[in-house]
Amino acid sequence: GIEAMTVLIEEGMIDNSYDLGVHWRATLSDWAATKKDDGHRLLVRGRGLLNAIEVDPELLGGKFAYAWCVRCAKEGILAKPTHGNIVRFSPPLTITKDEVDHAIQVITKAYDETMAEAKKA
């Protein structure tokens, strides 16, 4: 236990988690603000690298979060749908800013594709 904590501190994983978590939430919050025209509110929240995006629970009959996660997974980003309208993200503590930015690109593209599908339904 002590050795694990030492590694977390010495390798800067705690600071990395905080800094990249702030970046993650700020970037996705700015993006979410542009989606208000869809008529659906997106709420970005989290702490450190443990983050979530809450969507309208009525989208795709409550299956939007799941459909969004499937699209993300096809592009290599794993996320967990929960409560039907929340998508949770928990990347590794060793993730880099470039990897976060790539993940955000995949997540936002997957959202747009899933929303297009929802509008057809």
PDB file of N, CA and C in Angstrom:
ATOM      1  N   GLY A   1       0.800  -1.185   0.000  1.00  0.00           N
ATOM      2  CA  GLY A   1       0.000   0.000   0.000  1.00  0.00           C
ATOM      3  C   GLY A   1       0.853   1.265   0.000  1.00  0.00           C
ATOM      4  N   ILE A   2       1.881   1.307   0.843  1.00  0.00           N
ATOM      5  CA  ILE A   2       2.727   2.500   0.933  1.00  0.00           C
ATOM      6  C   ILE A   2       3.525   2.662  -0.352  1.00  0.00           C
ATOM      7  N   GLU A   3       4.005   1.549  -0.898  1.00  0.00           N
ATOM      8  CA  GLU A   3       4.770   1.609  -2.137  1.00  0.00           C
ATOM      9  C   GLU A   3       3.919   2.141  -3.292  1.00  0.00           C
ATOM     10  N   ALA A   4       2.675   1.708  -3.338  1.00  0.00           N
ATOM     11  CA  ALA A   4       1.768   2.190  -4.389  1.00  0.00           C
ATOM     12  C   ALA A   4       1.554   3.692  -4.258  1.00  0.00           C
ATOM     13  N   MET A   5       1.368   4.170  -3.051  1.00  0.00           N
ATOM     14  CA  MET A   5       1.194   5.612  -2.829  1.00  0.00           C
ATOM     15  C   MET A   5       2.458   6.372  -3.220  1.00  0.00           C
ATOM     16  N   THR A   6       3.610   5.799  -2.916  1.00  0.00           N
ATOM     17  CA  THR A   6       4.879   6.434  -3.271  1.00  0.00           C
ATOM     18  C   THR A   6       4.987   6.586  -4.790  1.00  0.00           C
ATOM     19  N   VAL A   7       4.632   5.541  -5.526  1.00  0.00           N
ATOM     20  CA  VAL A   7       4.675   5.592  -6.986  1.00  0.00           C
ATOM     21  C   VAL A   7       3.711   6.656  -7.515  1.00  0.00           C
ATOM     22  N   LEU A   8       2.503   6.694  -6.969  1.00  0.00           N
ATOM     23  CA  LEU A   8       1.524   7.702  -7.399  1.00  0.00           C
ATOM     24  C   LEU A   8       2.063   9.118  -7.228  1.00  0.00           C
ATOM     25  N   ILE A   9       2.724   9.361  -6.130  1.00  0.00           N
ATOM     26  CA  ILE A   9       3.249  10.698  -5.847  1.00  0.00           C
ATOM     27  C   ILE A   9       4.498  10.981  -6.679  1.00  0.00           C
ATOM     28  N   GLU A  10       5.456  10.061  -6.670  1.00  0.00           N
ATOM     29  CA  GLU A  10       6.731  10.294  -7.350  1.00  0.00           C
ATOM     30  C   GLU A  10       6.576  10.414  -8.860  1.00  0.00           C
ATOM     31  N   GLU A  11       5.639   9.681  -9.434  1.00  0.00           N
ATOM     32  CA  GLU A  11       5.446   9.738 -10.879  1.00  0.00           C
ATOM     33  C   GLU A  11       4.434  10.808 -11.298  1.00  0.00           C
ATOM     34  N   GLY A  12       3.964  11.581 -10.339  1.00  0.00           N
ATOM     35  CA  GLY A  12       3.087  12.711 -10.635  1.00  0.00           C
ATOM     36  C   GLY A  12       1.692  12.331 -11.087  1.00  0.00           C
ATOM     37  N   MET A  13       1.261  11.120 -10.770  1.00  0.00           N
ATOM     38  CA  MET A  13      -0.044  10.668 -11.245  1.00  0.00           C
ATOM     39  C   MET A  13      -1.202  11.420 -10.593  1.00  0.00           C
ATOM     40  N   ILE A  14      -1.027  11.832  -9.366  1.00  0.00           N
ATOM     41  CA  ILE A  14      -2.099  12.563  -8.686  1.00  0.00           C
ATOM     42  C   ILE A  14      -2.261  13.942  -9.317  1.00  0.00           C
ATOM     43  N   ASP A  15      -1.152  14.638  -9.520  1.00  0.00           N
ATOM     44  CA  ASP A  15      -1.211  15.948 -10.177  1.00  0.00           C
ATOM     45  C   ASP A  15      -1.730  15.817 -11.599  1.00  0.00           C
ATOM     46  N   ASN A  16      -1.278  14.783 -12.305  1.00  0.00           N
ATOM     47  CA  ASN A  16      -1.731  14.543 -13.671  1.00  0.00           C
ATOM     48  C   ASN A  16      -3.245  14.328 -13.699  1.00  0.00           C
ATOM     49  N   SER A  17      -3.739  13.557 -12.765  1.00  0.00           N
ATOM     50  CA  SER A  17      -5.170  13.290 -12.686  1.00  0.00           C
ATOM     51  C   SER A  17      -5.944  14.586 -12.464  1.00  0.00           C
ATOM     52  N   TYR A  18      -5.469  15.411 -11.570  1.00  0.00           N
ATOM     53  CA  TYR A  18      -6.151  16.677 -11.286  1.00  0.00           C
ATOM     54  C   TYR A  18      -6.122  17.590 -12.519  1.00  0.00           C
ATOM     55  N   ASP A  19      -4.927  17.810 -13.044  1.00  0.00           N
ATOM     56  CA  ASP A  19      -4.763  18.752 -14.166  1.00  0.00           C
ATOM     57  C   ASP A  19      -5.540  18.315 -15.408  1.00  0.00           C
ATOM     58  N   LEU A  20      -5.420  17.042 -15.766  1.00  0.00           N
ATOM     59  CA  LEU A  20      -6.112  16.564 -16.957  1.00  0.00           C
ATOM     60  C   LEU A  20      -7.614  16.448 -16.730  1.00  0.00           C
ATOM     61  N   GLY A  21      -8.022  16.211 -15.493  1.00  0.00           N
ATOM     62  CA  GLY A  21      -9.447  16.198 -15.173  1.00  0.00           C
ATOM     63  C   GLY A  21     -10.062  17.581 -15.365  1.00  0.00           C
ATOM     64  N   VAL A  22      -9.348  18.610 -14.926  1.00  0.00           N
ATOM     65  CA  VAL A  22      -9.816  19.988 -15.131  1.00  0.00           C
ATOM     66  C   VAL A  22      -9.921  20.272 -16.622  1.00  0.00           C
ATOM     67  N   HIS A  23      -8.901  19.878 -17.376  1.00  0.00           N
ATOM     68  CA  HIS A  23      -8.902  20.074 -18.831  1.00  0.00           C
ATOM     69  C   HIS A  23     -10.068  19.323 -19.471  1.00  0.00           C
ATOM     70  N   TRP A  24     -10.258  18.074 -19.083  1.00  0.00           N
ATOM     71  CA  TRP A  24     -11.328  17.221 -19.606  1.00  0.00           C
ATOM     72  C   TRP A  24     -12.683  17.889 -19.408  1.00  0.00           C
ATOM     73  N   ARG A  25     -12.962  18.300 -18.159  1.00  0.00           N
ATOM     74  CA  ARG A  25     -14.261  18.893 -17.852  1.00  0.00           C
ATOM     75  C   ARG A  25     -14.453  20.248 -18.528  1.00  0.00           C
ATOM     76  N   ALA A  26     -13.417  21.068 -18.562  1.00  0.00           N
ATOM     77  CA  ALA A  26     -13.536  22.386 -19.201  1.00  0.00           C
ATOM     78  C   ALA A  26     -13.812  22.232 -20.692  1.00  0.00           C
ATOM     79  N   THR A  27     -13.056  21.358 -21.348  1.00  0.00           N
ATOM     80  CA  THR A  27     -13.218  21.159 -22.784  1.00  0.00           C
ATOM     81  C   THR A  27     -14.599  20.593 -23.103  1.00  0.00           C
ATOM     82  N   LEU A  28     -15.008  19.571 -22.366  1.00  0.00           N
ATOM     83  CA  LEU A  28     -16.314  18.969 -22.638  1.00  0.00           C
ATOM     84  C   LEU A  28     -17.466  19.877 -22.200  1.00  0.00           C
ATOM     85  N   SER A  29     -17.282  20.685 -21.182  1.00  0.00           N
ATOM     86  CA  SER A  29     -18.325  21.644 -20.786  1.00  0.00           C
ATOM     87  C   SER A  29     -18.517  22.700 -21.869  1.00  0.00           C
ATOM     88  N   ASP A  30     -17.409  23.180 -22.427  1.00  0.00           N
ATOM     89  CA  ASP A  30     -17.504  24.147 -23.536  1.00  0.00           C
ATOM     90  C   ASP A  30     -18.223  23.519 -24.726  1.00  0.00           C
ATOM     91  N   TRP A  31     -17.878  22.273 -25.037  1.00  0.00           N
ATOM     92  CA  TRP A  31     -18.529  21.556 -26.127  1.00  0.00           C
ATOM     93  C   TRP A  31     -20.016  21.372 -25.827  1.00  0.00           C
ATOM     94  N   ALA A  32     -20.327  20.964 -24.601  1.00  0.00           N
ATOM     95  CA  ALA A  32     -21.722  20.719 -24.225  1.00  0.00           C
ATOM     96  C   ALA A  32     -22.569  21.982 -24.372  1.00  0.00           C
ATOM     97  N   ALA A  33     -21.978  23.131 -24.091  1.00  0.00           N
ATOM     98  CA  ALA A  33     -22.703  24.399 -24.214  1.00  0.00           C
ATOM     99  C   ALA A  33     -23.123  24.660 -25.664  1.00  0.00           C
ATOM    100  N   THR A  34     -22.376  24.114 -26.618  1.00  0.00           N
ATOM    101  CA  THR A  34     -22.723  24.304 -28.040  1.00  0.00           C
ATOM    102  C   THR A  34     -23.854  23.381 -28.470  1.00  0.00           C
ATOM    103  N   LYS A  35     -24.221  22.431 -27.649  1.00  0.00           N
ATOM    104  CA  LYS A  35     -25.240  21.437 -28.007  1.00  0.00           C
ATOM    105  C   LYS A  35     -26.629  21.817 -27.516  1.00  0.00           C
ATOM    106  N   LYS A  36     -26.773  22.996 -26.934  1.00  0.00           N
ATOM    107  CA  LYS A  36     -28.087  23.411 -26.430  1.00  0.00           C
ATOM    108  C   LYS A  36     -29.118  23.499 -27.545  1.00  0.00           C
ATOM    109  N   ASP A  37     -28.656  23.740 -28.779  1.00  0.00           N
ATOM    110  CA  ASP A  37     -29.573  23.833 -29.913  1.00  0.00           C
ATOM    111  C   ASP A  37     -30.269  22.507 -30.195  1.00  0.00           C
ATOM    112  N   ASP A  38     -29.686  21.403 -29.716  1.00  0.00           N
ATOM    113  CA  ASP A  38     -30.319  20.095 -29.874  1.00  0.00           C
ATOM    114  C   ASP A  38     -31.578  19.992 -29.018  1.00  0.00           C
ATOM    115  N   GLY A  39     -31.735  20.932 -28.095  1.00  0.00           N
ATOM    116  CA  GLY A  39     -32.880  20.887 -27.190  1.00  0.00           C
ATOM    117  C   GLY A  39     -32.683  19.945 -26.027  1.00  0.00           C
ATOM    118  N   HIS A  40     -31.462  19.485 -25.856  1.00  0.00           N
ATOM    119  CA  HIS A  40     -31.164  18.559 -24.769  1.00  0.00           C
ATOM    120  C   HIS A  40     -29.979  19.089 -23.966  1.00  0.00           C
ATOM    121  N   ARG A  41     -30.144  19.098 -22.667  1.00  0.00           N
ATOM    122  CA  ARG A  41     -29.091  19.586 -21.784  1.00  0.00           C
ATOM    123  C   ARG A  41     -28.077  18.472 -21.522  1.00  0.00           C
ATOM    124  N   LEU A  42     -26.813  18.835 -21.592  1.00  0.00           N
ATOM    125  CA  LEU A  42     -25.731  17.923 -21.230  1.00  0.00           C
ATOM    126  C   LEU A  42     -25.071  18.475 -19.983  1.00  0.00           C
ATOM    127  N   LEU A  43     -24.849  17.640 -19.012  1.00  0.00           N
ATOM    128  CA  LEU A  43     -24.184  18.051 -17.781  1.00  0.00           C
ATOM    129  C   LEU A  43     -22.886  17.274 -17.647  1.00  0.00           C
ATOM    130  N   VAL A  44     -21.767  18.000 -17.638  1.00  0.00           N
ATOM    131  CA  VAL A  44     -20.449  17.392 -17.482  1.00  0.00           C
ATOM    132  C   VAL A  44     -20.041  17.566 -16.019  1.00  0.00           C
ATOM    133  N   ARG A  45     -19.614  16.473 -15.400  1.00  0.00           N
ATOM    134  CA  ARG A  45     -19.216  16.554 -13.996  1.00  0.00           C
ATOM    135  C   ARG A  45     -18.133  15.530 -13.708  1.00  0.00           C
ATOM    136  N   GLY A  46     -17.476  15.704 -12.587  1.00  0.00           N
ATOM    137  CA  GLY A  46     -16.474  14.734 -12.193  1.00  0.00           C
ATOM    138  C   GLY A  46     -15.467  15.286 -11.208  1.00  0.00           C
ATOM    139  N   ARG A  47     -14.478  14.446 -10.939  1.00  0.00           N
ATOM    140  CA  ARG A  47     -13.396  14.800 -10.031  1.00  0.00           C
ATOM    141  C   ARG A  47     -12.165  14.037 -10.509  1.00  0.00           C
ATOM    142  N   GLY A  48     -11.070  14.770 -10.696  1.00  0.00           N
ATOM    143  CA  GLY A  48      -9.872  14.128 -11.235  1.00  0.00           C
ATOM    144  C   GLY A  48     -10.198  13.566 -12.613  1.00  0.00           C
ATOM    145  N   LEU A  49      -9.773  12.348 -12.866  1.00  0.00           N
ATOM    146  CA  LEU A  49     -10.048  11.717 -14.151  1.00  0.00           C
ATOM    147  C   LEU A  49     -11.335  10.887 -14.155  1.00  0.00           C
ATOM    148  N   LEU A  50     -12.055  10.875 -13.048  1.00  0.00           N
ATOM    149  CA  LEU A  50     -13.345  10.177 -12.997  1.00  0.00           C
ATOM    150  C   LEU A  50     -14.427  11.180 -13.375  1.00  0.00           C
ATOM    151  N   ASN A  51     -14.947  11.052 -14.577  1.00  0.00           N
ATOM    152  CA  ASN A  51     -15.875  12.038 -15.104  1.00  0.00           C
ATOM    153  C   ASN A  51     -17.111  11.378 -15.680  1.00  0.00           C
ATOM    154  N   ALA A  52     -18.151  12.191 -15.843  1.00  0.00           N
ATOM    155  CA  ALA A  52     -19.401  11.690 -16.401  1.00  0.00           C
ATOM    156  C   ALA A  52     -20.074  12.798 -17.194  1.00  0.00           C
ATOM    157  N   ILE A  53     -20.899  12.377 -18.132  1.00  0.00           N
ATOM    158  CA  ILE A  53     -21.750  13.294 -18.870  1.00  0.00           C
ATOM    159  C   ILE A  53     -23.173  12.766 -18.747  1.00  0.00           C
ATOM    160  N   GLU A  54     -24.050  13.629 -18.264  1.00  0.00           N
ATOM    161  CA  GLU A  54     -25.452  13.276 -18.099  1.00  0.00           C
ATOM    162  C   GLU A  54     -26.241  13.836 -19.277  1.00  0.00           C
ATOM    163  N   VAL A  55     -27.077  12.981 -19.871  1.00  0.00           N
ATOM    164  CA  VAL A  55     -27.893  13.375 -21.018  1.00  0.00           C
ATOM    165  C   VAL A  55     -29.371  13.267 -20.654  1.00  0.00           C
ATOM    166  N   ASP A  56     -30.212  13.757 -21.527  1.00  0.00           N
ATOM    167  CA  ASP A  56     -31.660  13.686 -21.348  1.00  0.00           C
ATOM    168  C   ASP A  56     -32.078  12.220 -21.219  1.00  0.00           C
ATOM    169  N   PRO A  57     -32.741  11.853 -20.126  1.00  0.00           N
ATOM    170  CA  PRO A  57     -33.112  10.444 -19.933  1.00  0.00           C
ATOM    171  C   PRO A  57     -34.153   9.928 -20.930  1.00  0.00           C
ATOM    172  N   GLU A  58     -34.784  10.828 -21.684  1.00  0.00           N
ATOM    173  CA  GLU A  58     -35.806  10.408 -22.646  1.00  0.00           C
ATOM    174  C   GLU A  58     -35.224  10.044 -24.014  1.00  0.00           C
ATOM    175  N   LEU A  59     -33.984  10.425 -24.271  1.00  0.00           N
ATOM    176  CA  LEU A  59     -33.383  10.162 -25.586  1.00  0.00           C
ATOM    177  C   LEU A  59     -33.305   8.667 -25.877  1.00  0.00           C
ATOM    178  N   LEU A  60     -33.703   8.309 -27.088  1.00  0.00           N
ATOM    179  CA  LEU A  60     -33.710   6.903 -27.532  1.00  0.00           C
ATOM    180  C   LEU A  60     -34.388   5.993 -26.512  1.00  0.00           C
ATOM    181  N   GLY A  61     -35.459   6.480 -25.934  1.00  0.00           N
ATOM    182  CA  GLY A  61     -36.200   5.667 -24.967  1.00  0.00           C
ATOM    183  C   GLY A  61     -35.372   5.277 -23.762  1.00  0.00           C
ATOM    184  N   GLY A  62     -34.453   6.152 -23.356  1.00  0.00           N
ATOM    185  CA  GLY A  62     -33.610   5.871 -22.203  1.00  0.00           C
ATOM    186  C   GLY A  62     -32.371   5.049 -22.529  1.00  0.00           C
ATOM    187  N   LYS A  63     -32.116   4.817 -23.811  1.00  0.00           N
ATOM    188  CA  LYS A  63     -30.984   3.984 -24.233  1.00  0.00           C
ATOM    189  C   LYS A  63     -29.859   4.797 -24.884  1.00  0.00           C
ATOM    190  N   PHE A  64     -29.940   6.122 -24.819  1.00  0.00           N
ATOM    191  CA  PHE A  64     -28.948   6.957 -25.491  1.00  0.00           C
ATOM    192  C   PHE A  64     -27.542   6.729 -24.944  1.00  0.00           C
ATOM    193  N   ALA A  65     -27.403   6.701 -23.627  1.00  0.00           N
ATOM    194  CA  ALA A  65     -26.077   6.531 -23.034  1.00  0.00           C
ATOM    195  C   ALA A  65     -25.428   5.234 -23.512  1.00  0.00           C
ATOM    196  N   TYR A  66     -26.220   4.164 -23.554  1.00  0.00           N
ATOM    197  CA  TYR A  66     -25.694   2.884 -24.021  1.00  0.00           C
ATOM    198  C   TYR A  66     -25.253   2.974 -25.482  1.00  0.00           C
ATOM    199  N   ALA A  67     -26.101   3.548 -26.329  1.00  0.00           N
ATOM    200  CA  ALA A  67     -25.769   3.669 -27.752  1.00  0.00           C
ATOM    201  C   ALA A  67     -24.524   4.526 -27.945  1.00  0.00           C
ATOM    202  N   TRP A  68     -24.390   5.579 -27.163  1.00  0.00           N
ATOM    203  CA  TRP A  68     -23.220   6.455 -27.234  1.00  0.00           C
ATOM    204  C   TRP A  68     -21.962   5.686 -26.837  1.00  0.00           C
ATOM    205  N   CYS A  69     -22.056   4.899 -25.787  1.00  0.00           N
ATOM    206  CA  CYS A  69     -20.903   4.104 -25.341  1.00  0.00           C
ATOM    207  C   CYS A  69     -20.486   3.070 -26.382  1.00  0.00           C
ATOM    208  N   VAL A  70     -21.458   2.474 -27.058  1.00  0.00           N
ATOM    209  CA  VAL A  70     -21.143   1.496 -28.107  1.00  0.00           C
ATOM    210  C   VAL A  70     -20.347   2.181 -29.221  1.00  0.00           C
ATOM    211  N   ARG A  71     -20.785   3.368 -29.626  1.00  0.00           N
ATOM    212  CA  ARG A  71     -20.062   4.103 -30.674  1.00  0.00           C
ATOM    213  C   ARG A  71     -18.653   4.466 -30.206  1.00  0.00           C
ATOM    214  N   CYS A  72     -18.520   4.884 -28.963  1.00  0.00           N
ATOM    215  CA  CYS A  72     -17.185   5.202 -28.436  1.00  0.00           C
ATOM    216  C   CYS A  72     -16.293   3.956 -28.449  1.00  0.00           C
ATOM    217  N   ALA A  73     -16.847   2.831 -28.033  1.00  0.00           N
ATOM    218  CA  ALA A  73     -16.070   1.587 -27.973  1.00  0.00           C
ATOM    219  C   ALA A  73     -15.562   1.170 -29.342  1.00  0.00           C
ATOM    220  N   LYS A  74     -16.368   1.381 -30.370  1.00  0.00           N
ATOM    221  CA  LYS A  74     -15.947   1.036 -31.728  1.00  0.00           C
ATOM    222  C   LYS A  74     -14.723   1.846 -32.157  1.00  0.00           C
ATOM    223  N   GLU A  75     -14.532   2.992 -31.522  1.00  0.00           N
ATOM    224  CA  GLU A  75     -13.383   3.847 -31.837  1.00  0.00           C
ATOM    225  C   GLU A  75     -12.277   3.737 -30.779  1.00  0.00           C
ATOM    226  N   GLY A  76     -12.412   2.771 -29.871  1.00  0.00           N
ATOM    227  CA  GLY A  76     -11.351   2.514 -28.905  1.00  0.00           C
ATOM    228  C   GLY A  76     -11.446   3.245 -27.577  1.00  0.00           C
ATOM    229  N   ILE A  77     -12.555   3.924 -27.324  1.00  0.00           N
ATOM    230  CA  ILE A  77     -12.737   4.625 -26.055  1.00  0.00           C
ATOM    231  C   ILE A  77     -13.797   3.879 -25.251  1.00  0.00           C
ATOM    232  N   LEU A  78     -13.394   3.343 -24.110  1.00  0.00           N
ATOM    233  CA  LEU A  78     -14.331   2.604 -23.277  1.00  0.00           C
ATOM    234  C   LEU A  78     -14.987   3.548 -22.275  1.00  0.00           C
ATOM    235  N   ALA A  79     -16.291   3.451 -22.186  1.00  0.00           N
ATOM    236  CA  ALA A  79     -17.084   4.248 -21.258  1.00  0.00           C
ATOM    237  C   ALA A  79     -18.188   3.349 -20.728  1.00  0.00           C
ATOM    238  N   LYS A  80     -18.757   3.729 -19.601  1.00  0.00           N
ATOM    239  CA  LYS A  80     -19.792   2.902 -18.986  1.00  0.00           C
ATOM    240  C   LYS A  80     -21.097   3.677 -18.880  1.00  0.00           C
ATOM    241  N   PRO A  81     -22.151   3.132 -19.489  1.00  0.00           N
ATOM    242  CA  PRO A  81     -23.456   3.764 -19.314  1.00  0.00           C
ATOM    243  C   PRO A  81     -24.022   3.375 -17.945  1.00  0.00           C
ATOM    244  N   THR A  82     -24.669   4.304 -17.304  1.00  0.00           N
ATOM    245  CA  THR A  82     -25.278   4.002 -16.018  1.00  0.00           C
ATOM    246  C   THR A  82     -26.575   4.793 -15.877  1.00  0.00           C
ATOM    247  N   HIS A  83     -27.544   4.220 -15.238  1.00  0.00           N
ATOM    248  CA  HIS A  83     -28.857   4.835 -15.008  1.00  0.00           C
ATOM    249  C   HIS A  83     -29.558   5.215 -16.314  1.00  0.00           C
ATOM    250  N   GLY A  84     -29.109   4.699 -17.455  1.00  0.00           N
ATOM    251  CA  GLY A  84     -29.750   4.966 -18.731  1.00  0.00           C
ATOM    252  C   GLY A  84     -29.399   6.288 -19.375  1.00  0.00           C
ATOM    253  N   ASN A  85     -28.953   7.262 -18.577  1.00  0.00           N
ATOM    254  CA  ASN A  85     -28.691   8.583 -19.151  1.00  0.00           C
ATOM    255  C   ASN A  85     -27.359   9.199 -18.717  1.00  0.00           C
ATOM    256  N   ILE A  86     -26.494   8.404 -18.153  1.00  0.00           N
ATOM    257  CA  ILE A  86     -25.192   8.911 -17.710  1.00  0.00           C
ATOM    258  C   ILE A  86     -24.092   8.052 -18.324  1.00  0.00           C
ATOM    259  N   VAL A  87     -23.085   8.721 -18.858  1.00  0.00           N
ATOM    260  CA  VAL A  87     -21.925   8.023 -19.401  1.00  0.00           C
ATOM    261  C   VAL A  87     -20.738   8.360 -18.506  1.00  0.00           C
ATOM    262  N   ARG A  88     -20.109   7.323 -17.976  1.00  0.00           N
ATOM    263  CA  ARG A  88     -18.967   7.518 -17.078  1.00  0.00           C
ATOM    264  C   ARG A  88     -17.669   7.190 -17.808  1.00  0.00           C
ATOM    265  N   PHE A  89     -16.662   8.008 -17.536  1.00  0.00           N
ATOM    266  CA  PHE A  89     -15.335   7.833 -18.125  1.00  0.00           C
ATOM    267  C   PHE A  89     -14.315   7.733 -16.996  1.00  0.00           C
ATOM    268  N   SER A  90     -13.401   6.777 -17.103  1.00  0.00           N
ATOM    269  CA  SER A  90     -12.339   6.662 -16.108  1.00  0.00           C
ATOM    270  C   SER A  90     -11.053   6.189 -16.797  1.00  0.00           C
ATOM    271  N   PRO A  91     -10.382   7.115 -17.472  1.00  0.00           N
ATOM    272  CA  PRO A  91      -9.145   6.746 -18.160  1.00  0.00           C
ATOM    273  C   PRO A  91      -8.036   6.430 -17.155  1.00  0.00           C
ATOM    274  N   PRO A  92      -6.969   5.809 -17.621  1.00  0.00           N
ATOM    275  CA  PRO A  92      -5.864   5.467 -16.718  1.00  0.00           C
ATOM    276  C   PRO A  92      -5.165   6.718 -16.187  1.00  0.00           C
ATOM    277  N   LEU A  93      -4.600   6.595 -14.992  1.00  0.00           N
ATOM    278  CA  LEU A  93      -3.889   7.719 -14.384  1.00  0.00           C
ATOM    279  C   LEU A  93      -2.671   8.140 -15.188  1.00  0.00           C
ATOM    280  N   THR A  94      -2.200   7.285 -16.071  1.00  0.00           N
ATOM    281  CA  THR A  94      -1.016   7.576 -16.879  1.00  0.00           C
ATOM    282  C   THR A  94      -1.349   8.264 -18.199  1.00  0.00           C
ATOM    283  N   ILE A  95      -2.612   8.591 -18.423  1.00  0.00           N
ATOM    284  CA  ILE A  95      -3.024   9.198 -19.689  1.00  0.00           C
ATOM    285  C   ILE A  95      -2.319  10.540 -19.894  1.00  0.00           C
ATOM    286  N   THR A  96      -2.054  10.866 -21.155  1.00  0.00           N
ATOM    287  CA  THR A  96      -1.397  12.137 -21.490  1.00  0.00           C
ATOM    288  C   THR A  96      -2.433  13.133 -22.004  1.00  0.00           C
ATOM    289  N   LYS A  97      -2.056  14.388 -22.104  1.00  0.00           N
ATOM    290  CA  LYS A  97      -2.959  15.423 -22.622  1.00  0.00           C
ATOM    291  C   LYS A  97      -3.351  15.109 -24.066  1.00  0.00           C
ATOM    292  N   ASP A  98      -2.403  14.663 -24.876  1.00  0.00           N
ATOM    293  CA  ASP A  98      -2.728  14.300 -26.256  1.00  0.00           C
ATOM    294  C   ASP A  98      -3.756  13.178 -26.304  1.00  0.00           C
ATOM    295  N   GLU A  99      -3.628  12.215 -25.425  1.00  0.00           N
ATOM    296  CA  GLU A  99      -4.586  11.111 -25.375  1.00  0.00           C
ATOM    297  C   GLU A  99      -5.959  11.590 -24.904  1.00  0.00           C
ATOM    298  N   VAL A 100      -5.975  12.515 -23.940  1.00  0.00           N
ATOM    299  CA  VAL A 100      -7.245  13.097 -23.495  1.00  0.00           C
ATOM    300  C   VAL A 100      -7.910  13.828 -24.656  1.00  0.00           C
ATOM    301  N   ASP A 101      -7.130  14.635 -25.367  1.00  0.00           N
ATOM    302  CA  ASP A 101      -7.685  15.389 -26.489  1.00  0.00           C
ATOM    303  C   ASP A 101      -8.222  14.455 -27.579  1.00  0.00           C
ATOM    304  N   HIS A 102      -7.513  13.367 -27.837  1.00  0.00           N
ATOM    305  CA  HIS A 102      -7.997  12.375 -28.804  1.00  0.00           C
ATOM    306  C   HIS A 102      -9.300  11.748 -28.304  1.00  0.00           C
ATOM    307  N   ALA A 103      -9.339  11.381 -27.033  1.00  0.00           N
ATOM    308  CA  ALA A 103     -10.548  10.781 -26.462  1.00  0.00           C
ATOM    309  C   ALA A 103     -11.732  11.735 -26.587  1.00  0.00           C
ATOM    310  N   ILE A 104     -11.501  13.003 -26.323  1.00  0.00           N
ATOM    311  CA  ILE A 104     -12.572  13.995 -26.428  1.00  0.00           C
ATOM    312  C   ILE A 104     -13.080  14.088 -27.865  1.00  0.00           C
ATOM    313  N   GLN A 105     -12.175  14.032 -28.835  1.00  0.00           N
ATOM    314  CA  GLN A 105     -12.601  14.058 -30.243  1.00  0.00           C
ATOM    315  C   GLN A 105     -13.494  12.859 -30.558  1.00  0.00           C
ATOM    316  N   VAL A 106     -13.095  11.692 -30.085  1.00  0.00           N
ATOM    317  CA  VAL A 106     -13.877  10.477 -30.325  1.00  0.00           C
ATOM    318  C   VAL A 106     -15.229  10.578 -29.626  1.00  0.00           C
ATOM    319  N   ILE A 107     -15.230  11.028 -28.387  1.00  0.00           N
ATOM    320  CA  ILE A 107     -16.466  11.122 -27.597  1.00  0.00           C
ATOM    321  C   ILE A 107     -17.456  12.083 -28.241  1.00  0.00           C
ATOM    322  N   THR A 108     -16.971  13.234 -28.674  1.00  0.00           N
ATOM    323  CA  THR A 108     -17.877  14.228 -29.263  1.00  0.00           C
ATOM    324  C   THR A 108     -18.400  13.772 -30.630  1.00  0.00           C
ATOM    325  N   LYS A 109     -17.539  13.136 -31.404  1.00  0.00           N
ATOM    326  CA  LYS A 109     -17.982  12.606 -32.708  1.00  0.00           C
ATOM    327  C   LYS A 109     -19.025  11.506 -32.501  1.00  0.00           C
ATOM    328  N   ALA A 110     -18.772  10.642 -31.543  1.00  0.00           N
ATOM    329  CA  ALA A 110     -19.714   9.562 -31.248  1.00  0.00           C
ATOM    330  C   ALA A 110     -21.052  10.123 -30.767  1.00  0.00           C
ATOM    331  N   TYR A 111     -21.009  11.199 -29.998  1.00  0.00           N
ATOM    332  CA  TYR A 111     -22.250  11.841 -29.553  1.00  0.00           C
ATOM    333  C   TYR A 111     -23.045  12.333 -30.765  1.00  0.00           C
ATOM    334  N   ASP A 112     -22.355  13.054 -31.651  1.00  0.00           N
ATOM    335  CA  ASP A 112     -23.038  13.594 -32.820  1.00  0.00           C
ATOM    336  C   ASP A 112     -23.673  12.489 -33.662  1.00  0.00           C
ATOM    337  N   GLU A 113     -22.965  11.391 -33.839  1.00  0.00           N
ATOM    338  CA  GLU A 113     -23.504  10.268 -34.606  1.00  0.00           C
ATOM    339  C   GLU A 113     -24.693   9.627 -33.893  1.00  0.00           C
ATOM    340  N   THR A 114     -24.594   9.490 -32.584  1.00  0.00           N
ATOM    341  CA  THR A 114     -25.688   8.901 -31.822  1.00  0.00           C
ATOM    342  C   THR A 114     -26.891   9.833 -31.808  1.00  0.00           C
ATOM    343  N   MET A 115     -26.652  11.137 -31.714  1.00  0.00           N
ATOM    344  CA  MET A 115     -27.753  12.098 -31.737  1.00  0.00           C
ATOM    345  C   MET A 115     -28.455  12.070 -33.093  1.00  0.00           C
ATOM    346  N   ALA A 116     -27.677  11.952 -34.171  1.00  0.00           N
ATOM    347  CA  ALA A 116     -28.288  11.864 -35.501  1.00  0.00           C
ATOM    348  C   ALA A 116     -29.202  10.636 -35.585  1.00  0.00           C
ATOM    349  N   GLU A 117     -28.746   9.532 -35.008  1.00  0.00           N
ATOM    350  CA  GLU A 117     -29.552   8.316 -34.965  1.00  0.00           C
ATOM    351  C   GLU A 117     -30.816   8.535 -34.129  1.00  0.00           C
ATOM    352  N   ALA A 118     -30.677   9.230 -33.013  1.00  0.00           N
ATOM    353  CA  ALA A 118     -31.826   9.482 -32.130  1.00  0.00           C
ATOM    354  C   ALA A 118     -32.872  10.350 -32.828  1.00  0.00           C
ATOM    355  N   LYS A 119     -32.417  11.286 -33.627  1.00  0.00           N
ATOM    356  CA  LYS A 119     -33.358  12.170 -34.329  1.00  0.00           C
ATOM    357  C   LYS A 119     -34.150  11.420 -35.393  1.00  0.00           C
ATOM    358  N   LYS A 120     -33.569  10.355 -35.927  1.00  0.00           N
ATOM    359  CA  LYS A 120     -34.264   9.536 -36.933  1.00  0.00           C
ATOM    360  C   LYS A 120     -35.329   8.651 -36.279  1.00  0.00           C
ATOM    361  N   ALA A 121     -35.091   8.292 -35.031  1.00  0.00           N
ATOM    362  CA  ALA A 121     -35.986   7.352 -34.339  1.00  0.00           C
ATOM    363  C   ALA A 121     -37.300   7.988 -33.940  1.00  0.00           C
TER     364      ALA A 121
END
